[in-house]
PDB file of N, CA and C in Angstrom:
ATOM      1  N   MET A   1       0.844  -1.180   0.000  1.00  0.00           N
ATOM      2  CA  MET A   1       0.000   0.000   0.000  1.00  0.00           C
ATOM      3  C   MET A   1       0.895   1.252   0.000  1.00  0.00           C
ATOM      4  N   VAL A   2       0.594   2.182  -0.886  1.00  0.00           N
ATOM      5  CA  VAL A   2       1.382   3.402  -0.987  1.00  0.00           C
ATOM      6  C   VAL A   2       0.551   4.563  -0.464  1.00  0.00           C
ATOM      7  N   ARG A   3       1.203   5.398   0.329  1.00  0.00           N
ATOM      8  CA  ARG A   3       0.516   6.536   0.916  1.00  0.00           C
ATOM      9  C   ARG A   3       0.425   7.660  -0.115  1.00  0.00           C
ATOM     10  N   ALA A   4      -0.755   8.264  -0.259  1.00  0.00           N
ATOM     11  CA  ALA A   4      -0.918   9.407  -1.157  1.00  0.00           C
ATOM     12  C   ALA A   4      -0.494  10.664  -0.411  1.00  0.00           C
ATOM     13  N   ASN A   5       0.352  11.454  -1.031  1.00  0.00           N
ATOM     14  CA  ASN A   5       0.830  12.644  -0.314  1.00  0.00           C
ATOM     15  C   ASN A   5       0.601  13.927  -1.110  1.00  0.00           C
ATOM     16  N   ASN A   6      -0.388  13.901  -1.989  1.00  0.00           N
ATOM     17  CA  ASN A   6      -0.837  15.135  -2.631  1.00  0.00           C
ATOM     18  C   ASN A   6       0.275  15.810  -3.429  1.00  0.00           C
ATOM     19  N   GLY A   7       1.037  15.026  -4.164  1.00  0.00           N
ATOM     20  CA  GLY A   7       2.216  15.498  -4.889  1.00  0.00           C
ATOM     21  C   GLY A   7       1.975  16.660  -5.841  1.00  0.00           C
ATOM     22  N   PRO A   8       1.051  16.549  -6.779  1.00  0.00           N
ATOM     23  CA  PRO A   8       0.867  17.634  -7.755  1.00  0.00           C
ATOM     24  C   PRO A   8       0.461  18.959  -7.098  1.00  0.00           C
ATOM     25  N   ALA A   9      -0.412  18.906  -6.095  1.00  0.00           N
ATOM     26  CA  ALA A   9      -0.858  20.137  -5.439  1.00  0.00           C
ATOM     27  C   ALA A   9       0.294  20.787  -4.679  1.00  0.00           C
ATOM     28  N   LEU A  10       1.114  19.961  -3.999  1.00  0.00           N
ATOM     29  CA  LEU A  10       2.245  20.498  -3.256  1.00  0.00           C
ATOM     30  C   LEU A  10       3.263  21.121  -4.211  1.00  0.00           C
ATOM     31  N   ARG A  11       3.523  20.446  -5.342  1.00  0.00           N
ATOM     32  CA  ARG A  11       4.466  20.977  -6.328  1.00  0.00           C
ATOM     33  C   ARG A  11       3.961  22.321  -6.860  1.00  0.00           C
ATOM     34  N   ALA A  12       2.655  22.408  -7.118  1.00  0.00           N
ATOM     35  CA  ALA A  12       2.088  23.668  -7.622  1.00  0.00           C
ATOM     36  C   ALA A  12       2.240  24.775  -6.579  1.00  0.00           C
ATOM     37  N   LYS A  13       2.005  24.427  -5.324  1.00  0.00           N
ATOM     38  CA  LYS A  13       2.137  25.400  -4.240  1.00  0.00           C
ATOM     39  C   LYS A  13       3.580  25.896  -4.144  1.00  0.00           C
ATOM     40  N   LYS A  14       4.535  24.938  -4.231  1.00  0.00           N
ATOM     41  CA  LYS A  14       5.947  25.310  -4.172  1.00  0.00           C
ATOM     42  C   LYS A  14       6.311  26.209  -5.346  1.00  0.00           C
ATOM     43  N   ASN A  15       5.874  25.832  -6.527  1.00  0.00           N
ATOM     44  CA  ASN A  15       6.184  26.638  -7.712  1.00  0.00           C
ATOM     45  C   ASN A  15       5.654  28.057  -7.565  1.00  0.00           C
ATOM     46  N   ARG A  16       4.424  28.171  -7.042  1.00  0.00           N
ATOM     47  CA  ARG A  16       3.808  29.484  -6.836  1.00  0.00           C
ATOM     48  C   ARG A  16       4.665  30.339  -5.894  1.00  0.00           C
ATOM     49  N   ARG A  17       5.099  29.726  -4.787  1.00  0.00           N
ATOM     50  CA  ARG A  17       5.878  30.470  -3.794  1.00  0.00           C
ATOM     51  C   ARG A  17       7.256  30.843  -4.326  1.00  0.00           C
ATOM     52  N   PHE A  18       7.925  29.886  -4.991  1.00  0.00           N
ATOM     53  CA  PHE A  18       9.252  30.182  -5.531  1.00  0.00           C
ATOM     54  C   PHE A  18       9.165  31.272  -6.591  1.00  0.00           C
ATOM     55  N   LYS A  19       8.102  31.257  -7.370  1.00  0.00           N
ATOM     56  CA  LYS A  19       7.924  32.297  -8.384  1.00  0.00           C
ATOM     57  C   LYS A  19       7.725  33.661  -7.716  1.00  0.00           C
ATOM     58  N   ALA A  20       6.969  33.679  -6.615  1.00  0.00           N
ATOM     59  CA  ALA A  20       6.727  34.934  -5.895  1.00  0.00           C
ATOM     60  C   ALA A  20       8.026  35.458  -5.266  1.00  0.00           C
ATOM     61  N   ALA A  21       8.948  34.559  -4.906  1.00  0.00           N
ATOM     62  CA  ALA A  21      10.188  34.955  -4.250  1.00  0.00           C
ATOM     63  C   ALA A  21      11.312  35.200  -5.249  1.00  0.00           C
ATOM     64  N   LYS A  22      10.984  35.187  -6.519  1.00  0.00           N
ATOM     65  CA  LYS A  22      11.998  35.400  -7.551  1.00  0.00           C
ATOM     66  C   LYS A  22      12.627  36.783  -7.372  1.00  0.00           C
ATOM     67  N   GLY A  23      13.933  36.865  -7.444  1.00  0.00           N
ATOM     68  CA  GLY A  23      14.618  38.137  -7.292  1.00  0.00           C
ATOM     69  C   GLY A  23      15.112  38.387  -5.877  1.00  0.00           C
ATOM     70  N   TYR A  24      14.661  37.595  -4.903  1.00  0.00           N
ATOM     71  CA  TYR A  24      15.184  37.741  -3.557  1.00  0.00           C
ATOM     72  C   TYR A  24      16.591  37.163  -3.520  1.00  0.00           C
ATOM     73  N   ARG A  25      17.427  37.648  -2.589  1.00  0.00           N
ATOM     74  CA  ARG A  25      18.830  37.238  -2.560  1.00  0.00           C
ATOM     75  C   ARG A  25      19.031  35.944  -1.782  1.00  0.00           C
ATOM     76  N   GLY A  26      19.950  35.127  -2.274  1.00  0.00           N
ATOM     77  CA  GLY A  26      20.399  33.940  -1.560  1.00  0.00           C
ATOM     78  C   GLY A  26      19.288  32.938  -1.296  1.00  0.00           C
ATOM     79  N   GLY A  27      19.313  32.404  -0.059  1.00  0.00           N
ATOM     80  CA  GLY A  27      18.352  31.376   0.318  1.00  0.00           C
ATOM     81  C   GLY A  27      16.917  31.862   0.324  1.00  0.00           C
ATOM     82  N   ARG A  28      16.743  33.167   0.362  1.00  0.00           N
ATOM     83  CA  ARG A  28      15.386  33.725   0.379  1.00  0.00           C
ATOM     84  C   ARG A  28      14.626  33.401  -0.905  1.00  0.00           C
ATOM     85  N   SER A  29      15.340  33.003  -1.952  1.00  0.00           N
ATOM     86  CA  SER A  29      14.648  32.636  -3.186  1.00  0.00           C
ATOM     87  C   SER A  29      14.877  31.171  -3.553  1.00  0.00           C
ATOM     88  N   LYS A  30      15.666  30.425  -2.714  1.00  0.00           N
ATOM     89  CA  LYS A  30      16.027  29.064  -3.095  1.00  0.00           C
ATOM     90  C   LYS A  30      15.656  27.989  -2.076  1.00  0.00           C
ATOM     91  N   LEU A  31      15.490  28.375  -0.817  1.00  0.00           N
ATOM     92  CA  LEU A  31      15.224  27.397   0.233  1.00  0.00           C
ATOM     93  C   LEU A  31      13.758  27.499   0.664  1.00  0.00           C
ATOM     94  N   TRP A  32      13.075  26.355   0.651  1.00  0.00           N
ATOM     95  CA  TRP A  32      11.631  26.327   0.856  1.00  0.00           C
ATOM     96  C   TRP A  32      11.198  27.030   2.134  1.00  0.00           C
ATOM     97  N   ARG A  33      11.821  26.693   3.266  1.00  0.00           N
ATOM     98  CA  ARG A  33      11.385  27.275   4.527  1.00  0.00           C
ATOM     99  C   ARG A  33      11.671  28.786   4.556  1.00  0.00           C
ATOM    100  N   THR A  34      12.835  29.161   4.073  1.00  0.00           N
ATOM    101  CA  THR A  34      13.209  30.576   4.073  1.00  0.00           C
ATOM    102  C   THR A  34      12.296  31.373   3.140  1.00  0.00           C
ATOM    103  N   VAL A  35      11.981  30.774   1.990  1.00  0.00           N
ATOM    104  CA  VAL A  35      11.068  31.430   1.045  1.00  0.00           C
ATOM    105  C   VAL A  35       9.721  31.671   1.705  1.00  0.00           C
ATOM    106  N   THR A  36       9.211  30.661   2.401  1.00  0.00           N
ATOM    107  CA  THR A  36       7.905  30.766   3.051  1.00  0.00           C
ATOM    108  C   THR A  36       7.909  31.878   4.108  1.00  0.00           C
ATOM    109  N   GLU A  37       8.967  31.894   4.951  1.00  0.00           N
ATOM    110  CA  GLU A  37       9.065  32.931   5.989  1.00  0.00           C
ATOM    111  C   GLU A  37       9.166  34.324   5.375  1.00  0.00           C
ATOM    112  N   THR A  38       9.986  34.429   4.340  1.00  0.00           N
ATOM    113  CA  THR A  38      10.203  35.723   3.689  1.00  0.00           C
ATOM    114  C   THR A  38       8.908  36.247   3.075  1.00  0.00           C
ATOM    115  N   LEU A  39       8.167  35.363   2.415  1.00  0.00           N
ATOM    116  CA  LEU A  39       6.918  35.793   1.776  1.00  0.00           C
ATOM    117  C   LEU A  39       5.873  36.198   2.811  1.00  0.00           C
ATOM    118  N   MET A  40       5.825  35.482   3.941  1.00  0.00           N
ATOM    119  CA  MET A  40       4.872  35.861   4.991  1.00  0.00           C
ATOM    120  C   MET A  40       5.188  37.260   5.504  1.00  0.00           C
ATOM    121  N   ARG A  41       6.489  37.521   5.724  1.00  0.00           N
ATOM    122  CA  ARG A  41       6.895  38.838   6.217  1.00  0.00           C
ATOM    123  C   ARG A  41       6.613  39.910   5.159  1.00  0.00           C
ATOM    124  N   ALA A  42       6.925  39.594   3.894  1.00  0.00           N
ATOM    125  CA  ALA A  42       6.698  40.557   2.810  1.00  0.00           C
ATOM    126  C   ALA A  42       5.222  40.900   2.695  1.00  0.00           C
ATOM    127  N   ASN A  43       4.364  39.895   2.824  1.00  0.00           N
ATOM    128  CA  ASN A  43       2.917  40.147   2.734  1.00  0.00           C
ATOM    129  C   ASN A  43       2.429  40.979   3.917  1.00  0.00           C
ATOM    130  N   ALA A  44       3.019  40.748   5.098  1.00  0.00           N
ATOM    131  CA  ALA A  44       2.636  41.541   6.267  1.00  0.00           C
ATOM    132  C   ALA A  44       3.025  43.005   6.058  1.00  0.00           C
ATOM    133  N   TYR A  45       4.242  43.241   5.548  1.00  0.00           N
ATOM    134  CA  TYR A  45       4.684  44.612   5.282  1.00  0.00           C
ATOM    135  C   TYR A  45       3.810  45.263   4.214  1.00  0.00           C
ATOM    136  N   ALA A  46       3.479  44.490   3.175  1.00  0.00           N
ATOM    137  CA  ALA A  46       2.663  45.043   2.086  1.00  0.00           C
ATOM    138  C   ALA A  46       1.296  45.470   2.604  1.00  0.00           C
ATOM    139  N   THR A  47       0.692  44.643   3.454  1.00  0.00           N
ATOM    140  CA  THR A  47      -0.616  44.971   4.019  1.00  0.00           C
ATOM    141  C   THR A  47      -0.524  46.222   4.878  1.00  0.00           C
ATOM    142  N   ARG A  48       0.486  46.270   5.743  1.00  0.00           N
ATOM    143  CA  ARG A  48       0.676  47.435   6.616  1.00  0.00           C
ATOM    144  C   ARG A  48       0.892  48.699   5.784  1.00  0.00           C
ATOM    145  N   ASP A  49       1.738  48.603   4.778  1.00  0.00           N
ATOM    146  CA  ASP A  49       2.124  49.794   4.035  1.00  0.00           C
ATOM    147  C   ASP A  49       1.058  50.277   3.054  1.00  0.00           C
ATOM    148  N   ARG A  50       0.127  49.411   2.685  1.00  0.00           N
ATOM    149  CA  ARG A  50      -1.012  49.903   1.888  1.00  0.00           C
ATOM    150  C   ARG A  50      -1.806  50.909   2.700  1.00  0.00           C
ATOM    151  N   ARG A  51      -1.830  50.741   4.004  1.00  0.00           N
ATOM    152  CA  ARG A  51      -2.542  51.685   4.860  1.00  0.00           C
ATOM    153  C   ARG A  51      -1.693  52.931   5.140  1.00  0.00           C
ATOM    154  N   THR A  52      -0.398  52.737   5.434  1.00  0.00           N
ATOM    155  CA  THR A  52       0.425  53.895   5.765  1.00  0.00           C
ATOM    156  C   THR A  52       0.661  54.781   4.550  1.00  0.00           C
ATOM    157  N   LYS A  53       0.584  54.211   3.348  1.00  0.00           N
ATOM    158  CA  LYS A  53       0.770  55.011   2.136  1.00  0.00           C
ATOM    159  C   LYS A  53      -0.253  56.136   2.075  1.00  0.00           C
ATOM    160  N   LYS A  54      -1.479  55.844   2.473  1.00  0.00           N
ATOM    161  CA  LYS A  54      -2.548  56.853   2.453  1.00  0.00           C
ATOM    162  C   LYS A  54      -2.204  58.003   3.403  1.00  0.00           C
ATOM    163  N   ARG A  55      -1.696  57.666   4.597  1.00  0.00           N
ATOM    164  CA  ARG A  55      -1.305  58.696   5.563  1.00  0.00           C
ATOM    165  C   ARG A  55      -0.138  59.527   5.041  1.00  0.00           C
ATOM    166  N   ASP A  56       0.846  58.824   4.470  1.00  0.00           N
ATOM    167  CA  ASP A  56       2.041  59.516   3.988  1.00  0.00           C
ATOM    168  C   ASP A  56       1.695  60.510   2.883  1.00  0.00           C
ATOM    169  N   PHE A  57       0.830  60.095   1.961  1.00  0.00           N
ATOM    170  CA  PHE A  57       0.477  61.000   0.876  1.00  0.00           C
ATOM    171  C   PHE A  57      -0.341  62.183   1.379  1.00  0.00           C
ATOM    172  N   ARG A  58      -1.247  61.924   2.324  1.00  0.00           N
ATOM    173  CA  ARG A  58      -2.024  63.038   2.874  1.00  0.00           C
ATOM    174  C   ARG A  58      -1.093  64.067   3.518  1.00  0.00           C
ATOM    175  N   SER A  59      -0.107  63.604   4.280  1.00  0.00           N
ATOM    176  CA  SER A  59       0.810  64.551   4.916  1.00  0.00           C
ATOM    177  C   SER A  59       1.656  65.273   3.877  1.00  0.00           C
ATOM    178  N   LEU A  60       2.006  64.604   2.779  1.00  0.00           N
ATOM    179  CA  LEU A  60       2.740  65.270   1.702  1.00  0.00           C
ATOM    180  C   LEU A  60       1.904  66.387   1.084  1.00  0.00           C
ATOM    181  N   PHE A  61       0.614  66.093   0.833  1.00  0.00           N
ATOM    182  CA  PHE A  61      -0.271  67.114   0.257  1.00  0.00           C
ATOM    183  C   PHE A  61      -0.381  68.313   1.197  1.00  0.00           C
ATOM    184  N   ILE A  62      -0.479  68.047   2.497  1.00  0.00           N
ATOM    185  CA  ILE A  62      -0.607  69.128   3.476  1.00  0.00           C
ATOM    186  C   ILE A  62       0.666  69.972   3.506  1.00  0.00           C
ATOM    187  N   ILE A  63       1.830  69.330   3.432  1.00  0.00           N
ATOM    188  CA  ILE A  63       3.102  70.062   3.420  1.00  0.00           C
ATOM    189  C   ILE A  63       3.179  70.960   2.187  1.00  0.00           C
ATOM    190  N   ARG A  64       2.787  70.425   1.035  1.00  0.00           N
ATOM    191  CA  ARG A  64       2.799  71.208  -0.206  1.00  0.00           C
ATOM    192  C   ARG A  64       1.851  72.399  -0.109  1.00  0.00           C
ATOM    193  N   LEU A  65       0.649  72.148   0.404  1.00  0.00           N
ATOM    194  CA  LEU A  65      -0.342  73.224   0.525  1.00  0.00           C
ATOM    195  C   LEU A  65       0.123  74.289   1.512  1.00  0.00           C
ATOM    196  N   SER A  66       0.719  73.849   2.589  1.00  0.00           N
ATOM    197  CA  SER A  66       1.196  74.786   3.592  1.00  0.00           C
ATOM    198  C   SER A  66       2.245  75.719   2.989  1.00  0.00           C
ATOM    199  N   ALA A  67       3.161  75.155   2.221  1.00  0.00           N
ATOM    200  CA  ALA A  67       4.198  75.968   1.582  1.00  0.00           C
ATOM    201  C   ALA A  67       3.574  76.936   0.579  1.00  0.00           C
ATOM    202  N   ALA A  68       2.613  76.442  -0.204  1.00  0.00           N
ATOM    203  CA  ALA A  68       1.993  77.279  -1.237  1.00  0.00           C
ATOM    204  C   ALA A  68       1.170  78.406  -0.621  1.00  0.00           C
ATOM    205  N   THR A  69       0.445  78.127   0.447  1.00  0.00           N
ATOM    206  CA  THR A  69      -0.395  79.170   1.053  1.00  0.00           C
ATOM    207  C   THR A  69       0.463  80.191   1.792  1.00  0.00           C
ATOM    208  N   ARG A  70       1.556  79.764   2.422  1.00  0.00           N
ATOM    209  CA  ARG A  70       2.437  80.703   3.119  1.00  0.00           C
ATOM    210  C   ARG A  70       3.090  81.675   2.135  1.00  0.00           C
ATOM    211  N   LEU A  71       3.406  81.183   0.931  1.00  0.00           N
ATOM    212  CA  LEU A  71       3.949  82.079  -0.101  1.00  0.00           C
ATOM    213  C   LEU A  71       2.950  83.178  -0.455  1.00  0.00           C
ATOM    214  N   ARG A  72       1.674  82.874  -0.280  1.00  0.00           N
ATOM    215  CA  ARG A  72       0.618  83.836  -0.610  1.00  0.00           C
ATOM    216  C   ARG A  72       0.114  84.570   0.637  1.00  0.00           C
ATOM    217  N   GLY A  73       0.855  84.438   1.739  1.00  0.00           N
ATOM    218  CA  GLY A  73       0.571  85.209   2.940  1.00  0.00           C
ATOM    219  C   GLY A  73      -0.588  84.697   3.778  1.00  0.00           C
ATOM    220  N   MET A  74      -0.782  83.398   3.795  1.00  0.00           N
ATOM    221  CA  MET A  74      -1.885  82.844   4.576  1.00  0.00           C
ATOM    222  C   MET A  74      -1.471  81.475   5.129  1.00  0.00           C
ATOM    223  N   PRO A  75      -1.661  81.226   6.416  1.00  0.00           N
ATOM    224  CA  PRO A  75      -1.340  79.900   6.956  1.00  0.00           C
ATOM    225  C   PRO A  75      -2.299  78.830   6.414  1.00  0.00           C
ATOM    226  N   TYR A  76      -1.814  77.604   6.407  1.00  0.00           N
ATOM    227  CA  TYR A  76      -2.589  76.474   5.884  1.00  0.00           C
ATOM    228  C   TYR A  76      -3.935  76.326   6.597  1.00  0.00           C
ATOM    229  N   SER A  77      -3.927  76.424   7.930  1.00  0.00           N
ATOM    230  CA  SER A  77      -5.153  76.184   8.693  1.00  0.00           C
ATOM    231  C   SER A  77      -6.224  77.216   8.348  1.00  0.00           C
ATOM    232  N   GLN A  78      -5.805  78.469   8.181  1.00  0.00           N
ATOM    233  CA  GLN A  78      -6.769  79.520   7.818  1.00  0.00           C
ATOM    234  C   GLN A  78      -7.278  79.317   6.392  1.00  0.00           C
ATOM    235  N   PHE A  79      -6.385  78.853   5.521  1.00  0.00           N
ATOM    236  CA  PHE A  79      -6.770  78.572   4.132  1.00  0.00           C
ATOM    237  C   PHE A  79      -7.852  77.497   4.091  1.00  0.00           C
ATOM    238  N   MET A  80      -7.637  76.406   4.810  1.00  0.00           N
ATOM    239  CA  MET A  80      -8.615  75.309   4.814  1.00  0.00           C
ATOM    240  C   MET A  80      -9.923  75.763   5.461  1.00  0.00           C
ATOM    241  N   ASP A  81      -9.828  76.568   6.514  1.00  0.00           N
ATOM    242  CA  ASP A  81     -11.024  77.105   7.165  1.00  0.00           C
ATOM    243  C   ASP A  81     -11.816  77.971   6.186  1.00  0.00           C
ATOM    244  N   GLY A  82     -11.103  78.823   5.450  1.00  0.00           N
ATOM    245  CA  GLY A  82     -11.761  79.694   4.475  1.00  0.00           C
ATOM    246  C   GLY A  82     -12.430  78.908   3.362  1.00  0.00           C
ATOM    247  N   LEU A  83     -11.763  77.848   2.890  1.00  0.00           N
ATOM    248  CA  LEU A  83     -12.371  77.019   1.841  1.00  0.00           C
ATOM    249  C   LEU A  83     -13.639  76.330   2.352  1.00  0.00           C
ATOM    250  N   LYS A  84     -13.588  75.890   3.589  1.00  0.00           N
ATOM    251  CA  LYS A  84     -14.759  75.235   4.179  1.00  0.00           C
ATOM    252  C   LYS A  84     -15.922  76.219   4.281  1.00  0.00           C
ATOM    253  N   LYS A  85     -15.613  77.434   4.705  1.00  0.00           N
ATOM    254  CA  LYS A  85     -16.655  78.462   4.836  1.00  0.00           C
ATOM    255  C   LYS A  85     -17.183  78.902   3.470  1.00  0.00           C
ATOM    256  N   ALA A  86     -16.317  78.841   2.438  1.00  0.00           N
ATOM    257  CA  ALA A  86     -16.736  79.206   1.079  1.00  0.00           C
ATOM    258  C   ALA A  86     -17.399  78.022   0.375  1.00  0.00           C
ATOM    259  N   ASN A  87     -17.486  76.899   1.067  1.00  0.00           N
ATOM    260  CA  ASN A  87     -18.111  75.685   0.533  1.00  0.00           C
ATOM    261  C   ASN A  87     -17.407  75.184  -0.735  1.00  0.00           C
ATOM    262  N   VAL A  88     -16.072  75.249  -0.725  1.00  0.00           N
ATOM    263  CA  VAL A  88     -15.270  74.701  -1.821  1.00  0.00           C
ATOM    264  C   VAL A  88     -14.958  73.252  -1.460  1.00  0.00           C
ATOM    265  N   GLN A  89     -15.355  72.326  -2.325  1.00  0.00           N
ATOM    266  CA  GLN A  89     -15.238  70.917  -1.983  1.00  0.00           C
ATOM    267  C   GLN A  89     -14.145  70.224  -2.792  1.00  0.00           C
ATOM    268  N   LEU A  90     -12.924  70.728  -2.661  1.00  0.00           N
ATOM    269  CA  LEU A  90     -11.771  70.078  -3.282  1.00  0.00           C
ATOM    270  C   LEU A  90     -10.974  69.403  -2.174  1.00  0.00           C
ATOM    271  N   ASP A  91     -10.472  68.202  -2.456  1.00  0.00           N
ATOM    272  CA  ASP A  91      -9.674  67.552  -1.420  1.00  0.00           C
ATOM    273  C   ASP A  91      -8.224  68.016  -1.493  1.00  0.00           C
ATOM    274  N   ARG A  92      -7.431  67.598  -0.523  1.00  0.00           N
ATOM    275  CA  ARG A  92      -6.061  68.094  -0.408  1.00  0.00           C
ATOM    276  C   ARG A  92      -5.204  67.699  -1.597  1.00  0.00           C
ATOM    277  N   LYS A  93      -5.459  66.525  -2.156  1.00  0.00           N
ATOM    278  CA  LYS A  93      -4.703  66.088  -3.331  1.00  0.00           C
ATOM    279  C   LYS A  93      -4.966  67.027  -4.509  1.00  0.00           C
ATOM    280  N   GLN A  94      -6.219  67.309  -4.763  1.00  0.00           N
ATOM    281  CA  GLN A  94      -6.575  68.202  -5.876  1.00  0.00           C
ATOM    282  C   GLN A  94      -6.003  69.600  -5.649  1.00  0.00           C
ATOM    283  N   LEU A  95      -6.076  70.082  -4.417  1.00  0.00           N
ATOM    284  CA  LEU A  95      -5.553  71.410  -4.106  1.00  0.00           C
ATOM    285  C   LEU A  95      -4.040  71.475  -4.320  1.00  0.00           C
ATOM    286  N   SER A  96      -3.320  70.422  -3.907  1.00  0.00           N
ATOM    287  CA  SER A  96      -1.863  70.447  -4.075  1.00  0.00           C
ATOM    288  C   SER A  96      -1.496  70.358  -5.555  1.00  0.00           C
ATOM    289  N   GLU A  97      -2.262  69.608  -6.341  1.00  0.00           N
ATOM    290  CA  GLU A  97      -2.017  69.550  -7.789  1.00  0.00           C
ATOM    291  C   GLU A  97      -2.247  70.927  -8.420  1.00  0.00           C
ATOM    292  N   LEU A  98      -3.301  71.603  -7.981  1.00  0.00           N
ATOM    293  CA  LEU A  98      -3.557  72.963  -8.480  1.00  0.00           C
ATOM    294  C   LEU A  98      -2.408  73.907  -8.118  1.00  0.00           C
ATOM    295  N   ALA A  99      -1.938  73.813  -6.895  1.00  0.00           N
ATOM    296  CA  ALA A  99      -0.854  74.694  -6.448  1.00  0.00           C
ATOM    297  C   ALA A  99       0.398  74.499  -7.303  1.00  0.00           C
ATOM    298  N   ILE A 100       0.639  73.260  -7.729  1.00  0.00           N
ATOM    299  CA  ILE A 100       1.838  72.969  -8.519  1.00  0.00           C
ATOM    300  C   ILE A 100       1.635  73.339  -9.991  1.00  0.00           C
ATOM    301  N   HIS A 101       0.518  72.896 -10.572  1.00  0.00           N
ATOM    302  CA  HIS A 101       0.349  72.971 -12.026  1.00  0.00           C
ATOM    303  C   HIS A 101      -0.435  74.184 -12.516  1.00  0.00           C
ATOM    304  N   ASP A 102      -1.231  74.796 -11.646  1.00  0.00           N
ATOM    305  CA  ASP A 102      -2.032  75.942 -12.074  1.00  0.00           C
ATOM    306  C   ASP A 102      -2.042  77.008 -10.974  1.00  0.00           C
ATOM    307  N   PRO A 103      -0.919  77.706 -10.804  1.00  0.00           N
ATOM    308  CA  PRO A 103      -0.811  78.680  -9.713  1.00  0.00           C
ATOM    309  C   PRO A 103      -1.853  79.795  -9.774  1.00  0.00           C
ATOM    310  N   ALA A 104      -2.284  80.171 -10.986  1.00  0.00           N
ATOM    311  CA  ALA A 104      -3.281  81.243 -11.107  1.00  0.00           C
ATOM    312  C   ALA A 104      -4.605  80.813 -10.469  1.00  0.00           C
ATOM    313  N   ALA A 105      -5.024  79.600 -10.750  1.00  0.00           N
ATOM    314  CA  ALA A 105      -6.264  79.087 -10.152  1.00  0.00           C
ATOM    315  C   ALA A 105      -6.112  78.969  -8.638  1.00  0.00           C
ATOM    316  N   PHE A 106      -4.915  78.571  -8.191  1.00  0.00           N
ATOM    317  CA  PHE A 106      -4.686  78.444  -6.750  1.00  0.00           C
ATOM    318  C   PHE A 106      -4.738  79.816  -6.078  1.00  0.00           C
ATOM    319  N   ASP A 107      -4.214  80.836  -6.775  1.00  0.00           N
ATOM    320  CA  ASP A 107      -4.301  82.205  -6.244  1.00  0.00           C
ATOM    321  C   ASP A 107      -5.762  82.612  -6.033  1.00  0.00           C
ATOM    322  N   GLN A 108      -6.604  82.251  -6.973  1.00  0.00           N
ATOM    323  CA  GLN A 108      -8.035  82.563  -6.857  1.00  0.00           C
ATOM    324  C   GLN A 108      -8.654  81.851  -5.652  1.00  0.00           C
ATOM    325  N   LEU A 109      -8.248  80.611  -5.444  1.00  0.00           N
ATOM    326  CA  LEU A 109      -8.763  79.868  -4.284  1.00  0.00           C
ATOM    327  C   LEU A 109      -8.329  80.532  -2.978  1.00  0.00           C
ATOM    328  N   VAL A 110      -7.079  80.993  -2.931  1.00  0.00           N
ATOM    329  CA  VAL A 110      -6.602  81.668  -1.723  1.00  0.00           C
ATOM    330  C   VAL A 110      -7.424  82.937  -1.484  1.00  0.00           C
ATOM    331  N   GLU A 111      -7.692  83.690  -2.547  1.00  0.00           N
ATOM    332  CA  GLU A 111      -8.521  84.898  -2.415  1.00  0.00           C
ATOM    333  C   GLU A 111      -9.934  84.550  -1.956  1.00  0.00           C
ATOM    334  N   THR A 112     -10.491  83.474  -2.508  1.00  0.00           N
ATOM    335  CA  THR A 112     -11.823  83.014  -2.096  1.00  0.00           C
ATOM    336  C   THR A 112     -11.830  82.689  -0.602  1.00  0.00           C
ATOM    337  N   ALA A 113     -10.793  81.995  -0.144  1.00  0.00           N
ATOM    338  CA  ALA A 113     -10.701  81.627   1.269  1.00  0.00           C
ATOM    339  C   ALA A 113     -10.583  82.877   2.140  1.00  0.00           C
ATOM    340  N   LYS A 114      -9.786  83.844   1.699  1.00  0.00           N
ATOM    341  CA  LYS A 114      -9.636  85.091   2.472  1.00  0.00           C
ATOM    342  C   LYS A 114     -10.964  85.831   2.584  1.00  0.00           C
ATOM    343  N   ARG A 115     -11.685  85.918   1.435  1.00  0.00           N
ATOM    344  CA  ARG A 115     -12.984  86.612   1.439  1.00  0.00           C
ATOM    345  C   ARG A 115     -13.986  85.900   2.342  1.00  0.00           C
ATOM    346  N   ALA A 116     -14.024  84.574   2.284  1.00  0.00           N
ATOM    347  CA  ALA A 116     -14.963  83.808   3.100  1.00  0.00           C
ATOM    348  C   ALA A 116     -14.685  84.003   4.585  1.00  0.00           C
ATOM    349  N   ARG A 117     -13.398  84.009   4.954  1.00  0.00           N
ATOM    350  CA  ARG A 117     -13.040  84.220   6.372  1.00  0.00           C
ATOM    351  C   ARG A 117     -13.406  85.629   6.797  1.00  0.00           C
ATOM    352  N   ALA A 118     -13.165  86.605   5.924  1.00  0.00           N
ATOM    353  CA  ALA A 118     -13.487  88.005   6.258  1.00  0.00           C
ATOM    354  C   ALA A 118     -14.997  88.187   6.410  1.00  0.00           C
ATOM    355  N   ALA A 119     -15.760  87.539   5.528  1.00  0.00           N
ATOM    356  CA  ALA A 119     -17.225  87.666   5.574  1.00  0.00           C
ATOM    357  C   ALA A 119     -17.787  87.073   6.863  1.00  0.00           C
ATOM    358  N   THR A 120     -17.242  85.923   7.291  1.00  0.00           N
ATOM    359  CA  THR A 120     -17.755  85.310   8.532  1.00  0.00           C
ATOM    360  C   THR A 120     -17.278  86.087   9.749  1.00  0.00           C
ATOM    361  N   ALA A 121     -16.114  86.752   9.654  1.00  0.00           N
ATOM    362  CA  ALA A 121     -15.623  87.560  10.778  1.00  0.00           C
ATOM    363  C   ALA A 121     -16.506  88.772  10.982  1.00  0.00           C
ATOM    364  N   VAL A 122     -17.014  89.346   9.882  1.00  0.00           N
ATOM    365  CA  VAL A 122     -17.907  90.491   9.971  1.00  0.00           C
ATOM    366  C   VAL A 122     -19.226  90.082  10.616  1.00  0.00           C
ATOM    367  N   HIS A 123     -19.736  88.906  10.223  1.00  0.00           N
ATOM    368  CA  HIS A 123     -21.009  88.422  10.800  1.00  0.00           C
ATOM    369  C   HIS A 123     -20.872  88.075  12.276  1.00  0.00           C
ATOM    370  N   ALA A 124     -19.692  87.613  12.654  1.00  0.00           N
ATOM    371  CA  ALA A 124     -19.497  87.184  14.044  1.00  0.00           C
ATOM    372  C   ALA A 124     -19.480  88.375  14.999  1.00  0.00           C
ATOM    373  N   SER A 125     -18.962  89.516  14.543  1.00  0.00           N
ATOM    374  CA  SER A 125     -18.844  90.646  15.469  1.00  0.00           C
ATOM    375  C   SER A 125     -20.059  91.521  15.525  1.00  0.00           C
TER     376      SER A 125
END
């Protein structure tokens, strides 16, 4: 009696993993156990970094906007407050793209934010 050990499925699984580990250095692409450990760690990092990428880009957009608004004599926080009061519904990514590629339009947005803040300041007092 011969024991069945699921040969074709195991070979396919190994091939899949070795293919995924292609390009890794040394045993990380050649040794079964090391390949498995490396891929588990790589997948964990990939999952984590898909989330942190969103945070990193948001902070990049904020840094860009802050620099662009300060050049125009207005802090970032006041700029965002003014846009909110003017009911401008552009997100930070779109605003930073405008600041880079279309400075004239961004200047108009800064003026809109200034006017909106001034208008609400008059109503408040």
